[in-house]
Amino acid sequence: GGMIAIEIAKKITLRKIIILSGVKSDAELPLWMKVSGKLHLNKLIPIRHYPFLDNYNNKRLGIITDEEKKLANNYRKNADLYQVKWAVHQIINWKSSWHPENLVQIHGEQDAIFPVKNIQSAYIIKEGTHMMLVNKAKEISHIINEVLKNEKSQ
């Protein structure tokens, strides 16, 4: 979603862009994604749901509760495989060093998909994971409200 927002901002002027659990440039992508793109691993390893990897993937996403597991499993069960393959290809091959100055990035301190060590400047949510939108919604809403309040006062 953040990558799409940045690509849209290249075409049209937006007042503010807020990205959650995403990266603002390819420099923030983890090394394994960059290598996967260069080696075209997404074409070598079939992309599909592997149930035996659910627990591992849940851990990487930062899934904690049964409700979050249910949400992730529902996505896995109903996701359009063509769209998933397209999205994976776009993510691991994204090249963009530009991002708008009006971008606000909110990121989880424990995000295992896009590790915080690669994030150059952002609001950091303590103990936030890639699923923080679900389990840290109050903290995220507070930051967004502050950002928008500051926007109105300018």
C-alpha atoms as a PDB file:
ATOM      1  CA  GLY A   1       0.000   0.000   0.000  1.00  0.00           C
ATOM      2  CA  GLY A   2       2.774   2.456   0.856  1.00  0.00           C
ATOM      3  CA  MET A   3       4.571   1.738  -2.387  1.00  0.00           C
ATOM      4  CA  ILE A   4       1.369   2.326  -4.353  1.00  0.00           C
ATOM      5  CA  ALA A   5       0.787   5.610  -2.504  1.00  0.00           C
ATOM      6  CA  ILE A   6       4.298   6.787  -3.388  1.00  0.00           C
ATOM      7  CA  GLU A   7       3.823   5.829  -7.031  1.00  0.00           C
ATOM      8  CA  ILE A   8       0.536   7.779  -7.090  1.00  0.00           C
ATOM      9  CA  ALA A   9       2.314  10.770  -5.518  1.00  0.00           C
ATOM     10  CA  LYS A  10       4.735  10.725  -8.454  1.00  0.00           C
ATOM     11  CA  LYS A  11       1.762  11.449 -10.726  1.00  0.00           C
ATOM     12  CA  ILE A  12      -0.432  13.762  -8.662  1.00  0.00           C
ATOM     13  CA  THR A  13       0.129  16.164  -5.780  1.00  0.00           C
ATOM     14  CA  LEU A  14      -1.258  14.936  -2.484  1.00  0.00           C
ATOM     15  CA  ARG A  15      -1.587  17.005   0.678  1.00  0.00           C
ATOM     16  CA  LYS A  16      -0.313  14.242   2.949  1.00  0.00           C
ATOM     17  CA  ILE A  17       0.651  10.597   2.623  1.00  0.00           C
ATOM     18  CA  ILE A  18       0.632   8.349   5.667  1.00  0.00           C
ATOM     19  CA  ILE A  19       2.057   4.864   5.287  1.00  0.00           C
ATOM     20  CA  LEU A  20       1.763   2.144   7.914  1.00  0.00           C
ATOM     21  CA  SER A  21       4.120  -0.838   8.130  1.00  0.00           C
ATOM     22  CA  GLY A  22       5.538  -0.016   4.726  1.00  0.00           C
ATOM     23  CA  VAL A  23       8.683   1.315   3.118  1.00  0.00           C
ATOM     24  CA  LYS A  24       9.192   4.680   1.453  1.00  0.00           C
ATOM     25  CA  SER A  25      12.083   3.678  -0.832  1.00  0.00           C
ATOM     26  CA  ASP A  26      13.761   0.539  -2.099  1.00  0.00           C
ATOM     27  CA  ALA A  27      16.663   1.339   0.247  1.00  0.00           C
ATOM     28  CA  GLU A  28      14.359   0.328   3.114  1.00  0.00           C
ATOM     29  CA  LEU A  29      13.605  -3.110   1.647  1.00  0.00           C
ATOM     30  CA  PRO A  30      15.279  -5.991   3.480  1.00  0.00           C
ATOM     31  CA  LEU A  31      18.219  -7.629   1.756  1.00  0.00           C
ATOM     32  CA  TRP A  32      16.364 -10.916   1.238  1.00  0.00           C
ATOM     33  CA  MET A  33      13.701  -9.122  -0.833  1.00  0.00           C
ATOM     34  CA  LYS A  34      16.307  -7.373  -2.983  1.00  0.00           C
ATOM     35  CA  VAL A  35      18.143 -10.665  -3.576  1.00  0.00           C
ATOM     36  CA  SER A  36      14.864 -12.463  -4.325  1.00  0.00           C
ATOM     37  CA  GLY A  37      14.073  -9.857  -6.967  1.00  0.00           C
ATOM     38  CA  LYS A  38      17.499 -10.005  -8.587  1.00  0.00           C
ATOM     39  CA  LEU A  39      17.469 -13.813  -8.689  1.00  0.00           C
ATOM     40  CA  HIS A  40      13.778 -13.978  -9.753  1.00  0.00           C
ATOM     41  CA  LEU A  41      13.078 -16.405  -6.926  1.00  0.00           C
ATOM     42  CA  ASN A  42       9.362 -15.637  -7.170  1.00  0.00           C
ATOM     43  CA  LYS A  43       9.431 -17.308 -10.595  1.00  0.00           C
ATOM     44  CA  LEU A  44      11.439 -20.327  -9.384  1.00  0.00           C
ATOM     45  CA  ILE A  45       9.464 -21.070  -6.217  1.00  0.00           C
ATOM     46  CA  PRO A  46       5.717 -21.379  -6.816  1.00  0.00           C
ATOM     47  CA  ILE A  47       3.725 -18.817  -4.877  1.00  0.00           C
ATOM     48  CA  ARG A  48       0.816 -20.504  -3.198  1.00  0.00           C
ATOM     49  CA  HIS A  49      -0.490 -21.211   0.264  1.00  0.00           C
ATOM     50  CA  TYR A  50       1.683 -23.715   2.123  1.00  0.00           C
ATOM     51  CA  PRO A  51      -0.273 -24.597   5.302  1.00  0.00           C
ATOM     52  CA  PHE A  52       2.816 -26.030   7.012  1.00  0.00           C
ATOM     53  CA  LEU A  53       4.284 -22.478   6.934  1.00  0.00           C
ATOM     54  CA  ASP A  54       1.285 -20.790   8.590  1.00  0.00           C
ATOM     55  CA  ASN A  55       2.811 -20.701  12.095  1.00  0.00           C
ATOM     56  CA  TYR A  56       6.106 -19.341  10.749  1.00  0.00           C
ATOM     57  CA  ASN A  57       4.330 -16.700   8.650  1.00  0.00           C
ATOM     58  CA  ASN A  58       2.059 -15.773  11.559  1.00  0.00           C
ATOM     59  CA  LYS A  59       5.124 -15.169  13.717  1.00  0.00           C
ATOM     60  CA  ARG A  60       6.765 -13.001  11.030  1.00  0.00           C
ATOM     61  CA  LEU A  61       3.573 -10.965  10.668  1.00  0.00           C
ATOM     62  CA  GLY A  62       3.418 -10.475  14.427  1.00  0.00           C
ATOM     63  CA  ILE A  63       0.118 -12.266  14.854  1.00  0.00           C
ATOM     64  CA  ILE A  64      -0.705 -12.652  18.517  1.00  0.00           C
ATOM     65  CA  THR A  65      -4.396 -13.372  19.041  1.00  0.00           C
ATOM     66  CA  ASP A  66      -6.768 -16.003  17.705  1.00  0.00           C
ATOM     67  CA  GLU A  67      -8.699 -13.185  16.008  1.00  0.00           C
ATOM     68  CA  GLU A  68      -5.551 -12.143  14.124  1.00  0.00           C
ATOM     69  CA  LYS A  69      -4.880 -15.775  13.140  1.00  0.00           C
ATOM     70  CA  LYS A  70      -8.439 -16.018  11.848  1.00  0.00           C
ATOM     71  CA  LEU A  71      -7.967 -12.801   9.834  1.00  0.00           C
ATOM     72  CA  ALA A  72      -4.691 -14.052   8.306  1.00  0.00           C
ATOM     73  CA  ASN A  73      -6.105 -17.495   7.536  1.00  0.00           C
ATOM     74  CA  ASN A  74      -9.157 -15.940   5.909  1.00  0.00           C
ATOM     75  CA  TYR A  75      -6.867 -13.842   3.708  1.00  0.00           C
ATOM     76  CA  ARG A  76      -4.756 -16.876   2.781  1.00  0.00           C
ATOM     77  CA  LYS A  77      -7.861 -18.901   1.960  1.00  0.00           C
ATOM     78  CA  ASN A  78      -9.542 -16.201  -0.157  1.00  0.00           C
ATOM     79  CA  ALA A  79      -6.665 -14.265  -1.707  1.00  0.00           C
ATOM     80  CA  ASP A  80      -6.600 -14.071  -5.494  1.00  0.00           C
ATOM     81  CA  LEU A  81      -3.414 -15.974  -6.340  1.00  0.00           C
ATOM     82  CA  TYR A  82      -2.861 -13.967  -9.519  1.00  0.00           C
ATOM     83  CA  GLN A  83      -2.993 -10.727  -7.511  1.00  0.00           C
ATOM     84  CA  VAL A  84      -0.683 -12.152  -4.811  1.00  0.00           C
ATOM     85  CA  LYS A  85       1.897 -13.193  -7.430  1.00  0.00           C
ATOM     86  CA  TRP A  86       1.680  -9.753  -9.047  1.00  0.00           C
ATOM     87  CA  ALA A  87       2.090  -7.997  -5.673  1.00  0.00           C
ATOM     88  CA  VAL A  88       5.090 -10.115  -4.629  1.00  0.00           C
ATOM     89  CA  HIS A  89       6.781  -9.420  -7.963  1.00  0.00           C
ATOM     90  CA  GLN A  90       6.153  -5.669  -7.616  1.00  0.00           C
ATOM     91  CA  ILE A  91       7.423  -5.527  -4.034  1.00  0.00           C
ATOM     92  CA  ILE A  92      10.680  -7.430  -4.550  1.00  0.00           C
ATOM     93  CA  ASN A  93      11.457  -5.551  -7.772  1.00  0.00           C
ATOM     94  CA  TRP A  94      10.407  -2.028  -6.672  1.00  0.00           C
ATOM     95  CA  LYS A  95      12.941   0.663  -7.501  1.00  0.00           C
ATOM     96  CA  SER A  96      12.288   4.097  -6.069  1.00  0.00           C
ATOM     97  CA  SER A  97      14.603   6.399  -4.178  1.00  0.00           C
ATOM     98  CA  TRP A  98      12.141   9.305  -4.274  1.00  0.00           C
ATOM     99  CA  HIS A  99       9.441   9.981  -1.739  1.00  0.00           C
ATOM    100  CA  PRO A 100       7.399  13.128  -1.180  1.00  0.00           C
ATOM    101  CA  GLU A 101       8.336  15.507   1.601  1.00  0.00           C
ATOM    102  CA  ASN A 102       4.786  15.383   2.949  1.00  0.00           C
ATOM    103  CA  LEU A 103       5.064  11.659   3.716  1.00  0.00           C
ATOM    104  CA  VAL A 104       4.502  10.385   7.239  1.00  0.00           C
ATOM    105  CA  GLN A 105       5.681   6.881   7.994  1.00  0.00           C
ATOM    106  CA  ILE A 106       4.462   4.888  10.997  1.00  0.00           C
ATOM    107  CA  HIS A 107       6.349   1.684  11.606  1.00  0.00           C
ATOM    108  CA  GLY A 108       6.516  -1.111  14.151  1.00  0.00           C
ATOM    109  CA  GLU A 109       9.629  -1.615  16.209  1.00  0.00           C
ATOM    110  CA  GLN A 110       9.283  -5.398  15.778  1.00  0.00           C
ATOM    111  CA  ASP A 111       8.180  -5.538  12.130  1.00  0.00           C
ATOM    112  CA  ALA A 112       9.787  -8.695  10.713  1.00  0.00           C
ATOM    113  CA  ILE A 113       8.616  -8.089   7.136  1.00  0.00           C
ATOM    114  CA  PHE A 114      10.201  -4.637   6.813  1.00  0.00           C
ATOM    115  CA  PRO A 115      12.686  -4.491   9.727  1.00  0.00           C
ATOM    116  CA  VAL A 116      12.843  -1.165  11.527  1.00  0.00           C
ATOM    117  CA  LYS A 117      16.653  -1.150  11.231  1.00  0.00           C
ATOM    118  CA  ASN A 118      16.159  -0.322   7.525  1.00  0.00           C
ATOM    119  CA  ILE A 119      13.644   2.475   8.170  1.00  0.00           C
ATOM    120  CA  GLN A 120      15.289   5.867   7.855  1.00  0.00           C
ATOM    121  CA  SER A 121      12.800   8.100   9.683  1.00  0.00           C
ATOM    122  CA  ALA A 122       9.378   7.280  11.042  1.00  0.00           C
ATOM    123  CA  TYR A 123       7.119   7.309  14.034  1.00  0.00           C
ATOM    124  CA  ILE A 124       8.040   4.050  15.751  1.00  0.00           C
ATOM    125  CA  ILE A 125       5.368   2.040  17.540  1.00  0.00           C
ATOM    126  CA  LYS A 126       6.857   0.231  20.529  1.00  0.00           C
ATOM    127  CA  GLU A 127       6.373  -3.538  20.198  1.00  0.00           C
ATOM    128  CA  GLY A 128       4.579  -2.915  16.892  1.00  0.00           C
ATOM    129  CA  THR A 129       4.702  -5.660  14.284  1.00  0.00           C
ATOM    130  CA  HIS A 130       3.597  -5.816  10.662  1.00  0.00           C
ATOM    131  CA  MET A 131       0.073  -6.439  12.029  1.00  0.00           C
ATOM    132  CA  MET A 132       0.154  -3.383  14.264  1.00  0.00           C
ATOM    133  CA  LEU A 133      -2.772  -1.814  12.443  1.00  0.00           C
ATOM    134  CA  VAL A 134      -4.895  -4.523  14.045  1.00  0.00           C
ATOM    135  CA  ASN A 135      -3.316  -4.708  17.493  1.00  0.00           C
ATOM    136  CA  LYS A 136      -1.939  -1.169  18.013  1.00  0.00           C
ATOM    137  CA  ALA A 137      -4.807   0.790  16.449  1.00  0.00           C
ATOM    138  CA  LYS A 138      -5.194   3.279  19.331  1.00  0.00           C
ATOM    139  CA  GLU A 139      -1.524   4.320  19.199  1.00  0.00           C
ATOM    140  CA  ILE A 140      -1.600   4.606  15.422  1.00  0.00           C
ATOM    141  CA  SER A 141      -4.842   6.617  15.503  1.00  0.00           C
ATOM    142  CA  HIS A 142      -3.309   8.980  18.043  1.00  0.00           C
ATOM    143  CA  ILE A 143      -0.322   9.659  15.766  1.00  0.00           C
ATOM    144  CA  ILE A 144      -2.523  10.122  12.706  1.00  0.00           C
ATOM    145  CA  ASN A 145      -4.793  12.527  14.598  1.00  0.00           C
ATOM    146  CA  GLU A 146      -1.770  14.559  15.745  1.00  0.00           C
ATOM    147  CA  VAL A 147      -0.346  14.661  12.213  1.00  0.00           C
ATOM    148  CA  LEU A 148      -3.696  15.823  10.802  1.00  0.00           C
ATOM    149  CA  LYS A 149      -4.180  18.360  13.606  1.00  0.00           C
ATOM    150  CA  ASN A 150      -0.745  19.827  12.811  1.00  0.00           C
ATOM    151  CA  GLU A 151      -1.681  19.873   9.132  1.00  0.00           C
ATOM    152  CA  LYS A 152      -4.800  21.960   9.868  1.00  0.00           C
ATOM    153  CA  SER A 153      -2.861  24.456  11.997  1.00  0.00           C
ATOM    154  CA  GLN A 154      -0.352  25.174   9.228  1.00  0.00           C
END
